[in-house]
PDB file of all heavy atoms in Angstrom:
ATOM      1  N   ALA A   1       0.846  -1.225   0.036  1.00  0.00           N
ATOM      2  CA  ALA A   1       0.007   0.002  -0.050  1.00  0.00           C
ATOM      3  C   ALA A   1       0.916   1.235  -0.019  1.00  0.00           C
ATOM      4  O   ALA A   1       2.104   1.195   0.432  1.00  0.00           O
ATOM      5  CB  ALA A   1      -0.878  -0.005   1.173  1.00  0.00           C
ATOM      6  N   THR A   2       0.247   2.345  -0.470  1.00  0.00           N
ATOM      7  CA  THR A   2       0.973   3.601  -0.422  1.00  0.00           C
ATOM      8  C   THR A   2       0.114   4.729   0.126  1.00  0.00           C
ATOM      9  O   THR A   2      -1.197   4.532   0.382  1.00  0.00           O
ATOM     10  CB  THR A   2       1.492   4.000  -1.852  1.00  0.00           C
ATOM     11  OG1 THR A   2       0.507   4.700  -2.503  1.00  0.00           O
ATOM     12  CG2 THR A   2       2.076   2.882  -2.581  1.00  0.00           C
ATOM     13  N   GLY A   3       0.800   5.886   0.378  1.00  0.00           N
ATOM     14  CA  GLY A   3      -0.110   7.015   0.882  1.00  0.00           C
ATOM     15  C   GLY A   3      -0.816   7.797  -0.197  1.00  0.00           C
ATOM     16  O   GLY A   3      -1.438   8.859   0.164  1.00  0.00           O
ATOM     17  N   ILE A   4      -0.706   7.360  -1.413  1.00  0.00           N
ATOM     18  CA  ILE A   4      -1.523   8.096  -2.455  1.00  0.00           C
ATOM     19  C   ILE A   4      -3.013   7.800  -2.413  1.00  0.00           C
ATOM     20  O   ILE A   4      -3.715   8.842  -2.402  1.00  0.00           O
ATOM     21  CB  ILE A   4      -0.933   7.831  -3.898  1.00  0.00           C
ATOM     22  CG1 ILE A   4       0.527   8.272  -3.870  1.00  0.00           C
ATOM     23  CG2 ILE A   4      -1.680   8.478  -4.903  1.00  0.00           C
ATOM     24  CD1 ILE A   4       1.336   7.890  -5.099  1.00  0.00           C
ATOM     25  N   PRO A   5      -3.548   6.576  -2.480  1.00  0.00           N
ATOM     26  CA  PRO A   5      -4.960   6.410  -2.309  1.00  0.00           C
ATOM     27  C   PRO A   5      -5.669   7.173  -1.129  1.00  0.00           C
ATOM     28  O   PRO A   5      -6.711   7.758  -1.420  1.00  0.00           O
ATOM     29  CB  PRO A   5      -5.072   4.876  -2.280  1.00  0.00           C
ATOM     30  CG  PRO A   5      -3.879   4.319  -2.933  1.00  0.00           C
ATOM     31  CD  PRO A   5      -2.827   5.279  -2.592  1.00  0.00           C
ATOM     32  N   PRO A   6      -5.153   7.037   0.070  1.00  0.00           N
ATOM     33  CA  PRO A   6      -5.774   7.820   1.097  1.00  0.00           C
ATOM     34  C   PRO A   6      -5.824   9.237   0.882  1.00  0.00           C
ATOM     35  O   PRO A   6      -6.700   9.922   1.563  1.00  0.00           O
ATOM     36  CB  PRO A   6      -5.057   7.402   2.315  1.00  0.00           C
ATOM     37  CG  PRO A   6      -3.701   6.980   1.824  1.00  0.00           C
ATOM     38  CD  PRO A   6      -3.952   6.241   0.553  1.00  0.00           C
ATOM     39  N   ALA A   7      -5.011   9.809   0.017  1.00  0.00           N
ATOM     40  CA  ALA A   7      -5.019  11.206  -0.270  1.00  0.00           C
ATOM     41  C   ALA A   7      -6.109  11.616  -1.226  1.00  0.00           C
ATOM     42  O   ALA A   7      -6.456  12.763  -1.406  1.00  0.00           O
ATOM     43  CB  ALA A   7      -3.771  11.682  -0.685  1.00  0.00           C
ATOM     44  N   LEU A   8      -6.596  10.698  -2.003  1.00  0.00           N
ATOM     45  CA  LEU A   8      -7.504  10.960  -3.155  1.00  0.00           C
ATOM     46  C   LEU A   8      -8.902  11.297  -2.807  1.00  0.00           C
ATOM     47  O   LEU A   8      -9.522  12.302  -3.417  1.00  0.00           O
ATOM     48  CB  LEU A   8      -7.607   9.855  -4.194  1.00  0.00           C
ATOM     49  CG  LEU A   8      -6.243   9.414  -4.804  1.00  0.00           C
ATOM     50  CD1 LEU A   8      -6.454   8.257  -5.674  1.00  0.00           C
ATOM     51  CD2 LEU A   8      -5.704  10.639  -5.673  1.00  0.00           C
ATOM     52  N   SER A   9      -9.426  10.716  -1.776  1.00  0.00           N
ATOM     53  CA  SER A   9     -10.839  10.955  -1.336  1.00  0.00           C
ATOM     54  C   SER A   9     -11.077  10.186   0.096  1.00  0.00           C
ATOM     55  O   SER A   9     -10.292   9.400   0.440  1.00  0.00           O
ATOM     56  CB  SER A   9     -11.849  10.398  -2.324  1.00  0.00           C
ATOM     57  OG  SER A   9     -11.774   8.903  -2.399  1.00  0.00           O
ATOM     58  N   ASP A  10     -12.277  10.527   0.736  1.00  0.00           N
ATOM     59  CA  ASP A  10     -12.641   9.820   1.787  1.00  0.00           C
ATOM     60  C   ASP A  10     -12.817   8.256   1.634  1.00  0.00           C
ATOM     61  O   ASP A  10     -12.448   7.457   2.461  1.00  0.00           O
ATOM     62  CB  ASP A  10     -13.922  10.370   2.443  1.00  0.00           C
ATOM     63  CG  ASP A  10     -13.654  11.825   2.976  1.00  0.00           C
ATOM     64  OD1 ASP A  10     -12.548  12.199   3.251  1.00  0.00           O
ATOM     65  OD2 ASP A  10     -14.685  12.471   3.194  1.00  0.00           O
ATOM     66  N   ALA A  11     -13.401   8.048   0.310  1.00  0.00           N
ATOM     67  CA  ALA A  11     -13.724   6.612   0.044  1.00  0.00           C
ATOM     68  C   ALA A  11     -12.354   5.837  -0.072  1.00  0.00           C
ATOM     69  O   ALA A  11     -12.283   4.654   0.448  1.00  0.00           O
ATOM     70  CB  ALA A  11     -14.510   6.606  -1.188  1.00  0.00           C
ATOM     71  N   THR A  12     -11.452   6.422  -0.743  1.00  0.00           N
ATOM     72  CA  THR A  12     -10.264   5.544  -1.018  1.00  0.00           C
ATOM     73  C   THR A  12      -9.325   5.446   0.251  1.00  0.00           C
ATOM     74  O   THR A  12      -8.655   4.553   0.502  1.00  0.00           O
ATOM     75  CB  THR A  12      -9.379   6.217  -2.146  1.00  0.00           C
ATOM     76  OG1 THR A  12      -9.211   7.594  -1.951  1.00  0.00           O
ATOM     77  CG2 THR A  12      -9.962   6.109  -3.411  1.00  0.00           C
ATOM     78  N   ARG A  13      -9.437   6.571   1.170  1.00  0.00           N
ATOM     79  CA  ARG A  13      -8.860   6.435   2.431  1.00  0.00           C
ATOM     80  C   ARG A  13      -9.471   5.377   3.323  1.00  0.00           C
ATOM     81  O   ARG A  13      -8.745   4.546   3.877  1.00  0.00           O
ATOM     82  CB  ARG A  13      -8.952   7.824   3.212  1.00  0.00           C
ATOM     83  CG  ARG A  13      -8.225   7.813   4.470  1.00  0.00           C
ATOM     84  CD  ARG A  13      -7.815   9.244   4.910  1.00  0.00           C
ATOM     85  NE  ARG A  13      -8.943  10.132   5.030  1.00  0.00           N
ATOM     86  CZ  ARG A  13      -9.241  11.124   4.169  1.00  0.00           C
ATOM     87  NH1 ARG A  13      -8.526  11.310   3.166  1.00  0.00           N
ATOM     88  NH2 ARG A  13     -10.253  11.902   4.452  1.00  0.00           N
ATOM     89  N   ALA A  14     -10.803   5.232   3.198  1.00  0.00           N
ATOM     90  CA  ALA A  14     -11.475   4.171   3.964  1.00  0.00           C
ATOM     91  C   ALA A  14     -11.084   2.733   3.427  1.00  0.00           C
ATOM     92  O   ALA A  14     -10.802   1.834   4.158  1.00  0.00           O
ATOM     93  CB  ALA A  14     -12.978   4.329   3.902  1.00  0.00           C
ATOM     94  N   LEU A  15     -10.907   2.679   2.007  1.00  0.00           N
ATOM     95  CA  LEU A  15     -10.410   1.409   1.424  1.00  0.00           C
ATOM     96  C   LEU A  15      -9.037   1.081   1.906  1.00  0.00           C
ATOM     97  O   LEU A  15      -8.773  -0.080   2.338  1.00  0.00           O
ATOM     98  CB  LEU A  15     -10.513   1.636  -0.029  1.00  0.00           C
ATOM     99  CG  LEU A  15      -9.765   0.406  -0.927  1.00  0.00           C
ATOM    100  CD1 LEU A  15     -10.720  -0.823  -0.786  1.00  0.00           C
ATOM    101  CD2 LEU A  15      -9.617   0.904  -2.333  1.00  0.00           C
ATOM    102  N   SER A  16      -8.132   2.070   2.007  1.00  0.00           N
ATOM    103  CA  SER A  16      -6.736   1.718   2.500  1.00  0.00           C
ATOM    104  C   SER A  16      -6.826   1.146   3.844  1.00  0.00           C
ATOM    105  O   SER A  16      -6.069   0.160   4.163  1.00  0.00           O
ATOM    106  CB  SER A  16      -5.971   2.988   2.489  1.00  0.00           C
ATOM    107  OG  SER A  16      -5.823   3.598   1.091  1.00  0.00           O
ATOM    108  N   PHE A  17      -7.511   1.821   4.761  1.00  0.00           N
ATOM    109  CA  PHE A  17      -7.583   1.301   6.125  1.00  0.00           C
ATOM    110  C   PHE A  17      -8.227  -0.010   6.203  1.00  0.00           C
ATOM    111  O   PHE A  17      -7.629  -0.902   6.920  1.00  0.00           O
ATOM    112  CB  PHE A  17      -8.389   2.320   7.062  1.00  0.00           C
ATOM    113  CG  PHE A  17      -7.503   3.482   7.640  1.00  0.00           C
ATOM    114  CD1 PHE A  17      -7.633   4.705   7.052  1.00  0.00           C
ATOM    115  CD2 PHE A  17      -6.742   3.313   8.656  1.00  0.00           C
ATOM    116  CE1 PHE A  17      -6.905   5.782   7.549  1.00  0.00           C
ATOM    117  CE2 PHE A  17      -5.957   4.294   9.146  1.00  0.00           C
ATOM    118  CZ  PHE A  17      -6.071   5.554   8.506  1.00  0.00           C
ATOM    119  N   GLU A  18      -9.159  -0.315   5.484  1.00  0.00           N
ATOM    120  CA  GLU A  18      -9.888  -1.569   5.506  1.00  0.00           C
ATOM    121  C   GLU A  18      -9.050  -2.694   4.920  1.00  0.00           C
ATOM    122  O   GLU A  18      -8.931  -3.748   5.535  1.00  0.00           O
ATOM    123  CB  GLU A  18     -11.226  -1.482   4.742  1.00  0.00           C
ATOM    124  CG  GLU A  18     -12.063  -2.815   4.822  1.00  0.00           C
ATOM    125  CD  GLU A  18     -12.644  -3.146   6.219  1.00  0.00           C
ATOM    126  OE1 GLU A  18     -12.668  -2.070   7.075  1.00  0.00           O
ATOM    127  OE2 GLU A  18     -13.114  -4.205   6.496  1.00  0.00           O
ATOM    128  N   LEU A  19      -8.482  -2.462   3.875  1.00  0.00           N
ATOM    129  CA  LEU A  19      -7.597  -3.401   3.263  1.00  0.00           C
ATOM    130  C   LEU A  19      -6.316  -3.836   4.136  1.00  0.00           C
ATOM    131  O   LEU A  19      -6.048  -4.965   4.405  1.00  0.00           O
ATOM    132  CB  LEU A  19      -7.072  -3.068   1.896  1.00  0.00           C
ATOM    133  CG  LEU A  19      -7.785  -3.260   0.628  1.00  0.00           C
ATOM    134  CD1 LEU A  19      -7.178  -2.674  -0.565  1.00  0.00           C
ATOM    135  CD2 LEU A  19      -7.944  -4.758   0.422  1.00  0.00           C
ATOM    136  N   MET A  20      -5.769  -2.787   4.734  1.00  0.00           N
ATOM    137  CA  MET A  20      -4.491  -3.074   5.536  1.00  0.00           C
ATOM    138  C   MET A  20      -5.021  -3.719   6.878  1.00  0.00           C
ATOM    139  O   MET A  20      -4.264  -4.666   7.334  1.00  0.00           O
ATOM    140  CB  MET A  20      -3.829  -1.704   5.835  1.00  0.00           C
ATOM    141  CG  MET A  20      -3.197  -1.142   4.624  1.00  0.00           C
ATOM    142  SD  MET A  20      -2.420   0.456   4.950  1.00  0.00           S
ATOM    143  CE  MET A  20      -0.923  -0.088   5.777  1.00  0.00           C
ATOM    144  N   THR A  21      -6.183  -3.351   7.377  1.00  0.00           N
ATOM    145  CA  THR A  21      -6.601  -4.050   8.639  1.00  0.00           C
ATOM    146  C   THR A  21      -7.001  -5.452   8.335  1.00  0.00           C
ATOM    147  O   THR A  21      -6.635  -6.481   9.191  1.00  0.00           O
ATOM    148  CB  THR A  21      -7.811  -3.153   9.162  1.00  0.00           C
ATOM    149  OG1 THR A  21      -7.465  -1.890   9.447  1.00  0.00           O
ATOM    150  CG2 THR A  21      -8.420  -3.942  10.333  1.00  0.00           C
ATOM    151  N   GLN A  22      -7.762  -5.714   7.248  1.00  0.00           N
ATOM    152  CA  GLN A  22      -8.156  -7.093   7.008  1.00  0.00           C
ATOM    153  C   GLN A  22      -6.969  -8.010   6.676  1.00  0.00           C
ATOM    154  O   GLN A  22      -6.930  -9.182   7.105  1.00  0.00           O
ATOM    155  CB  GLN A  22      -9.164  -7.060   5.836  1.00  0.00           C
ATOM    156  CG  GLN A  22     -10.523  -6.419   6.110  1.00  0.00           C
ATOM    157  CD  GLN A  22     -11.252  -7.254   7.243  1.00  0.00           C
ATOM    158  OE1 GLN A  22     -11.170  -8.478   7.268  1.00  0.00           O
ATOM    159  NE2 GLN A  22     -12.026  -6.568   7.971  1.00  0.00           N
ATOM    160  N   MET A  23      -5.995  -7.469   5.940  1.00  0.00           N
ATOM    161  CA  MET A  23      -4.889  -8.317   5.622  1.00  0.00           C
ATOM    162  C   MET A  23      -4.059  -8.617   7.032  1.00  0.00           C
ATOM    163  O   MET A  23      -3.567  -9.777   7.053  1.00  0.00           O
ATOM    164  CB  MET A  23      -3.919  -7.539   4.617  1.00  0.00           C
ATOM    165  CG  MET A  23      -4.572  -7.604   3.150  1.00  0.00           C
ATOM    166  SD  MET A  23      -4.823  -9.176   2.396  1.00  0.00           S
ATOM    167  CE  MET A  23      -3.095  -9.407   1.821  1.00  0.00           C
ATOM    168  N   ARG A  24      -3.863  -7.670   7.781  1.00  0.00           N
ATOM    169  CA  ARG A  24      -3.298  -7.963   9.100  1.00  0.00           C
ATOM    170  C   ARG A  24      -3.925  -9.019   9.934  1.00  0.00           C
ATOM    171  O   ARG A  24      -3.433  -9.983  10.416  1.00  0.00           O
ATOM    172  CB  ARG A  24      -3.041  -6.623   9.956  1.00  0.00           C
ATOM    173  CG  ARG A  24      -1.888  -5.735   9.342  1.00  0.00           C
ATOM    174  CD  ARG A  24      -0.532  -6.434   9.460  1.00  0.00           C
ATOM    175  NE  ARG A  24      -0.147  -6.679  10.878  1.00  0.00           N
ATOM    176  CZ  ARG A  24       0.591  -5.907  11.612  1.00  0.00           C
ATOM    177  NH1 ARG A  24       1.098  -4.780  11.189  1.00  0.00           N
ATOM    178  NH2 ARG A  24       0.931  -6.239  12.881  1.00  0.00           N
ATOM    179  N   LYS A  25      -5.272  -8.896   9.942  1.00  0.00           N
ATOM    180  CA  LYS A  25      -6.076  -9.875  10.716  1.00  0.00           C
ATOM    181  C   LYS A  25      -6.000 -11.277  10.057  1.00  0.00           C
ATOM    182  O   LYS A  25      -6.079 -12.201  10.894  1.00  0.00           O
ATOM    183  CB  LYS A  25      -7.599  -9.473  10.693  1.00  0.00           C
ATOM    184  CG  LYS A  25      -7.932  -8.206  11.625  1.00  0.00           C
ATOM    185  CD  LYS A  25      -9.302  -7.953  11.576  1.00  0.00           C
ATOM    186  CE  LYS A  25      -9.813  -6.871  12.495  1.00  0.00           C
ATOM    187  NZ  LYS A  25     -11.188  -6.565  12.442  1.00  0.00           N
ATOM    188  N   ALA A  26      -5.797 -11.275   8.858  1.00  0.00           N
ATOM    189  CA  ALA A  26      -5.675 -12.659   8.104  1.00  0.00           C
ATOM    190  C   ALA A  26      -4.162 -13.224   8.244  1.00  0.00           C
ATOM    191  O   ALA A  26      -4.000 -14.253   7.714  1.00  0.00           O
ATOM    192  CB  ALA A  26      -6.078 -12.510   6.703  1.00  0.00           C
ATOM    193  N   GLY A  27      -3.293 -12.412   8.980  1.00  0.00           N
ATOM    194  CA  GLY A  27      -1.990 -12.952   9.041  1.00  0.00           C
ATOM    195  C   GLY A  27      -1.097 -12.761   7.824  1.00  0.00           C
ATOM    196  O   GLY A  27      -0.034 -13.356   7.776  1.00  0.00           O
ATOM    197  N   ARG A  28      -1.492 -11.848   6.942  1.00  0.00           N
ATOM    198  CA  ARG A  28      -0.636 -11.569   5.839  1.00  0.00           C
ATOM    199  C   ARG A  28       0.290 -10.371   6.107  1.00  0.00           C
ATOM    200  O   ARG A  28       0.103  -9.734   7.108  1.00  0.00           O
ATOM    201  CB  ARG A  28      -1.546 -11.074   4.607  1.00  0.00           C
ATOM    202  CG  ARG A  28      -2.849 -11.869   4.365  1.00  0.00           C
ATOM    203  CD  ARG A  28      -2.600 -13.386   4.102  1.00  0.00           C
ATOM    204  NE  ARG A  28      -3.876 -14.055   3.819  1.00  0.00           N
ATOM    205  CZ  ARG A  28      -3.943 -15.345   3.606  1.00  0.00           C
ATOM    206  NH1 ARG A  28      -2.887 -16.158   3.645  1.00  0.00           N
ATOM    207  NH2 ARG A  28      -5.118 -15.911   3.349  1.00  0.00           N
ATOM    208  N   SER A  29       1.397 -10.354   5.293  1.00  0.00           N
ATOM    209  CA  SER A  29       2.337  -9.270   5.622  1.00  0.00           C
ATOM    210  C   SER A  29       1.912  -7.990   4.736  1.00  0.00           C
ATOM    211  O   SER A  29       1.203  -8.149   3.670  1.00  0.00           O
ATOM    212  CB  SER A  29       3.676  -9.658   5.134  1.00  0.00           C
ATOM    213  OG  SER A  29       3.767 -10.123   3.827  1.00  0.00           O
ATOM    214  N   VAL A  30       2.164  -6.846   5.289  1.00  0.00           N
ATOM    215  CA  VAL A  30       1.852  -5.567   4.691  1.00  0.00           C
ATOM    216  C   VAL A  30       3.018  -4.627   4.569  1.00  0.00           C
ATOM    217  O   VAL A  30       3.756  -4.434   5.636  1.00  0.00           O
ATOM    218  CB  VAL A  30       0.806  -4.895   5.580  1.00  0.00           C
ATOM    219  CG1 VAL A  30       0.339  -3.546   4.806  1.00  0.00           C
ATOM    220  CG2 VAL A  30      -0.502  -5.857   5.620  1.00  0.00           C
ATOM    221  N   SER A  31       3.263  -4.069   3.488  1.00  0.00           N
ATOM    222  CA  SER A  31       4.336  -2.968   3.365  1.00  0.00           C
ATOM    223  C   SER A  31       3.661  -1.694   3.016  1.00  0.00           C
ATOM    224  O   SER A  31       2.564  -1.658   2.297  1.00  0.00           O
ATOM    225  CB  SER A  31       5.362  -3.319   2.267  1.00  0.00           C
ATOM    226  OG  SER A  31       4.806  -3.609   1.008  1.00  0.00           O
ATOM    227  N   PHE A  32       4.235  -0.561   3.468  1.00  0.00           N
ATOM    228  CA  PHE A  32       3.545   0.778   3.210  1.00  0.00           C
ATOM    229  C   PHE A  32       4.505   1.903   2.919  1.00  0.00           C
ATOM    230  O   PHE A  32       5.561   2.037   3.730  1.00  0.00           O
ATOM    231  CB  PHE A  32       2.792   1.116   4.480  1.00  0.00           C
ATOM    232  CG  PHE A  32       2.062   2.535   4.457  1.00  0.00           C
ATOM    233  CD1 PHE A  32       0.982   2.676   3.574  1.00  0.00           C
ATOM    234  CD2 PHE A  32       2.505   3.505   5.278  1.00  0.00           C
ATOM    235  CE1 PHE A  32       0.447   3.950   3.396  1.00  0.00           C
ATOM    236  CE2 PHE A  32       1.993   4.700   5.186  1.00  0.00           C
ATOM    237  CZ  PHE A  32       0.912   5.067   4.228  1.00  0.00           C
ATOM    238  N   ASP A  33       4.451   2.447   1.816  1.00  0.00           N
ATOM    239  CA  ASP A  33       5.304   3.518   1.341  1.00  0.00           C
ATOM    240  C   ASP A  33       4.396   4.808   1.428  1.00  0.00           C
ATOM    241  O   ASP A  33       3.422   4.975   0.768  1.00  0.00           O
ATOM    242  CB  ASP A  33       5.714   3.298  -0.143  1.00  0.00           C
ATOM    243  CG  ASP A  33       6.662   4.356  -0.607  1.00  0.00           C
ATOM    244  OD1 ASP A  33       6.912   5.320   0.035  1.00  0.00           O
ATOM    245  OD2 ASP A  33       7.323   4.154  -1.685  1.00  0.00           O
ATOM    246  N   PRO A  34       4.789   5.762   2.306  1.00  0.00           N
ATOM    247  CA  PRO A  34       4.040   6.944   2.562  1.00  0.00           C
ATOM    248  C   PRO A  34       3.758   7.790   1.241  1.00  0.00           C
ATOM    249  O   PRO A  34       2.676   8.231   1.143  1.00  0.00           O
ATOM    250  CB  PRO A  34       4.847   7.729   3.524  1.00  0.00           C
ATOM    251  CG  PRO A  34       5.599   6.712   4.309  1.00  0.00           C
ATOM    252  CD  PRO A  34       5.993   5.646   3.296  1.00  0.00           C
ATOM    253  N   ASN A  35       4.782   7.815   0.438  1.00  0.00           N
ATOM    254  CA  ASN A  35       4.586   8.560  -0.944  1.00  0.00           C
ATOM    255  C   ASN A  35       3.774   9.760  -0.788  1.00  0.00           C
ATOM    256  O   ASN A  35       2.742   9.922  -1.482  1.00  0.00           O
ATOM    257  CB  ASN A  35       3.851   7.511  -1.867  1.00  0.00           C
ATOM    258  CG  ASN A  35       4.848   7.199  -3.135  1.00  0.00           C
ATOM    259  OD1 ASN A  35       5.191   8.079  -3.855  1.00  0.00           O
ATOM    260  ND2 ASN A  35       4.928   5.910  -3.251  1.00  0.00           N
ATOM    261  N   LEU A  36       4.272  10.653  -0.028  1.00  0.00           N
ATOM    262  CA  LEU A  36       3.517  11.943   0.325  1.00  0.00           C
ATOM    263  C   LEU A  36       3.247  12.722  -0.862  1.00  0.00           C
ATOM    264  O   LEU A  36       3.993  12.980  -1.692  1.00  0.00           O
ATOM    265  CB  LEU A  36       4.279  12.676   1.323  1.00  0.00           C
ATOM    266  CG  LEU A  36       4.643  12.026   2.690  1.00  0.00           C
ATOM    267  CD1 LEU A  36       5.327  13.075   3.596  1.00  0.00           C
ATOM    268  CD2 LEU A  36       3.359  11.492   3.401  1.00  0.00           C
ATOM    269  N   ARG A  37       1.969  13.218  -0.949  1.00  0.00           N
ATOM    270  CA  ARG A  37       1.509  14.160  -1.990  1.00  0.00           C
ATOM    271  C   ARG A  37       0.814  15.194  -1.157  1.00  0.00           C
ATOM    272  O   ARG A  37      -0.507  15.255  -1.158  1.00  0.00           O
ATOM    273  CB  ARG A  37       0.517  13.404  -2.945  1.00  0.00           C
ATOM    274  CG  ARG A  37       1.222  12.265  -3.743  1.00  0.00           C
ATOM    275  CD  ARG A  37       2.203  12.813  -4.718  1.00  0.00           C
ATOM    276  NE  ARG A  37       2.727  11.797  -5.655  1.00  0.00           N
ATOM    277  CZ  ARG A  37       3.628  11.003  -5.450  1.00  0.00           C
ATOM    278  NH1 ARG A  37       4.269  11.027  -4.242  1.00  0.00           N
ATOM    279  NH2 ARG A  37       4.014  10.030  -6.298  1.00  0.00           N
ATOM    280  N   PRO A  38       1.450  16.220  -0.639  1.00  0.00           N
ATOM    281  CA  PRO A  38       0.841  17.235   0.168  1.00  0.00           C
ATOM    282  C   PRO A  38      -0.214  18.082  -0.440  1.00  0.00           C
ATOM    283  O   PRO A  38      -1.268  18.423   0.236  1.00  0.00           O
ATOM    284  CB  PRO A  38       2.007  18.187   0.571  1.00  0.00           C
ATOM    285  CG  PRO A  38       3.225  17.268   0.422  1.00  0.00           C
ATOM    286  CD  PRO A  38       2.943  16.314  -0.689  1.00  0.00           C
ATOM    287  N   SER A  39      -0.097  18.264  -1.848  1.00  0.00           N
ATOM    288  CA  SER A  39      -1.156  19.013  -2.486  1.00  0.00           C
ATOM    289  C   SER A  39      -2.464  18.314  -2.543  1.00  0.00           C
ATOM    290  O   SER A  39      -3.536  19.042  -2.749  1.00  0.00           O
ATOM    291  CB  SER A  39      -0.710  19.303  -3.935  1.00  0.00           C
ATOM    292  OG  SER A  39      -0.511  18.144  -4.726  1.00  0.00           O
ATOM    293  N   LEU A  40      -2.511  17.073  -2.260  1.00  0.00           N
ATOM    294  CA  LEU A  40      -3.841  16.408  -2.365  1.00  0.00           C
ATOM    295  C   LEU A  40      -4.459  16.330  -1.040  1.00  0.00           C
ATOM    296  O   LEU A  40      -5.656  15.939  -0.936  1.00  0.00           O
ATOM    297  CB  LEU A  40      -3.629  14.858  -2.820  1.00  0.00           C
ATOM    298  CG  LEU A  40      -3.067  14.738  -4.231  1.00  0.00           C
ATOM    299  CD1 LEU A  40      -2.847  13.243  -4.445  1.00  0.00           C
ATOM    300  CD2 LEU A  40      -4.016  15.264  -5.252  1.00  0.00           C
ATOM    301  N   TRP A  41      -3.866  16.819   0.069  1.00  0.00           N
ATOM    302  CA  TRP A  41      -4.524  16.708   1.386  1.00  0.00           C
ATOM    303  C   TRP A  41      -5.004  18.030   1.766  1.00  0.00           C
ATOM    304  O   TRP A  41      -4.591  19.193   1.269  1.00  0.00           O
ATOM    305  CB  TRP A  41      -3.424  16.330   2.487  1.00  0.00           C
ATOM    306  CG  TRP A  41      -3.019  14.930   2.345  1.00  0.00           C
ATOM    307  CD1 TRP A  41      -1.995  14.559   1.622  1.00  0.00           C
ATOM    308  CD2 TRP A  41      -3.655  13.829   3.016  1.00  0.00           C
ATOM    309  NE1 TRP A  41      -1.928  13.050   1.768  1.00  0.00           N
ATOM    310  CE2 TRP A  41      -2.958  12.634   2.580  1.00  0.00           C
ATOM    311  CE3 TRP A  41      -4.757  13.646   3.846  1.00  0.00           C
ATOM    312  CZ2 TRP A  41      -3.323  11.349   3.015  1.00  0.00           C
ATOM    313  CZ3 TRP A  41      -5.128  12.338   4.309  1.00  0.00           C
ATOM    314  CH2 TRP A  41      -4.340  11.226   3.888  1.00  0.00           C
ATOM    315  N   ALA A  42      -6.044  18.175   2.675  1.00  0.00           N
ATOM    316  CA  ALA A  42      -6.629  19.344   3.105  1.00  0.00           C
ATOM    317  C   ALA A  42      -5.566  20.225   3.967  1.00  0.00           C
ATOM    318  O   ALA A  42      -5.694  21.382   3.940  1.00  0.00           O
ATOM    319  CB  ALA A  42      -7.854  19.104   3.930  1.00  0.00           C
ATOM    320  N   SER A  43      -4.727  19.523   4.698  1.00  0.00           N
ATOM    321  CA  SER A  43      -3.787  20.172   5.554  1.00  0.00           C
ATOM    322  C   SER A  43      -2.583  19.231   5.730  1.00  0.00           C
ATOM    323  O   SER A  43      -2.757  17.988   5.676  1.00  0.00           O
ATOM    324  CB  SER A  43      -4.377  20.604   6.780  1.00  0.00           C
ATOM    325  OG  SER A  43      -4.688  19.509   7.653  1.00  0.00           O
ATOM    326  N   GLN A  44      -1.466  19.788   6.160  1.00  0.00           N
ATOM    327  CA  GLN A  44      -0.380  18.972   6.430  1.00  0.00           C
ATOM    328  C   GLN A  44      -0.588  18.205   7.698  1.00  0.00           C
ATOM    329  O   GLN A  44      -0.196  16.952   7.785  1.00  0.00           O
ATOM    330  CB  GLN A  44       0.878  19.769   6.587  1.00  0.00           C
ATOM    331  CG  GLN A  44       2.135  19.037   6.928  1.00  0.00           C
ATOM    332  CD  GLN A  44       3.455  19.904   6.973  1.00  0.00           C
ATOM    333  OE1 GLN A  44       3.813  20.328   5.908  1.00  0.00           O
ATOM    334  NE2 GLN A  44       3.975  20.192   8.194  1.00  0.00           N
ATOM    335  N   ALA A  45      -1.222  18.704   8.635  1.00  0.00           N
ATOM    336  CA  ALA A  45      -1.580  18.037   9.940  1.00  0.00           C
ATOM    337  C   ALA A  45      -2.395  16.823   9.647  1.00  0.00           C
ATOM    338  O   ALA A  45      -2.179  15.709  10.207  1.00  0.00           O
ATOM    339  CB  ALA A  45      -2.322  18.990  10.895  1.00  0.00           C
TER     340      ALA A  45
END
């Protein structure tokens, strides 16, 4: 996973959280690249 989908919309952010959560629960491994896109976010915070 990367930090780009959660920056695109509320729906894609929810998808990112759900996929990562479900895969961890299933005992799968997860890698995450922040891949920051500040211009896509409402604020840096």
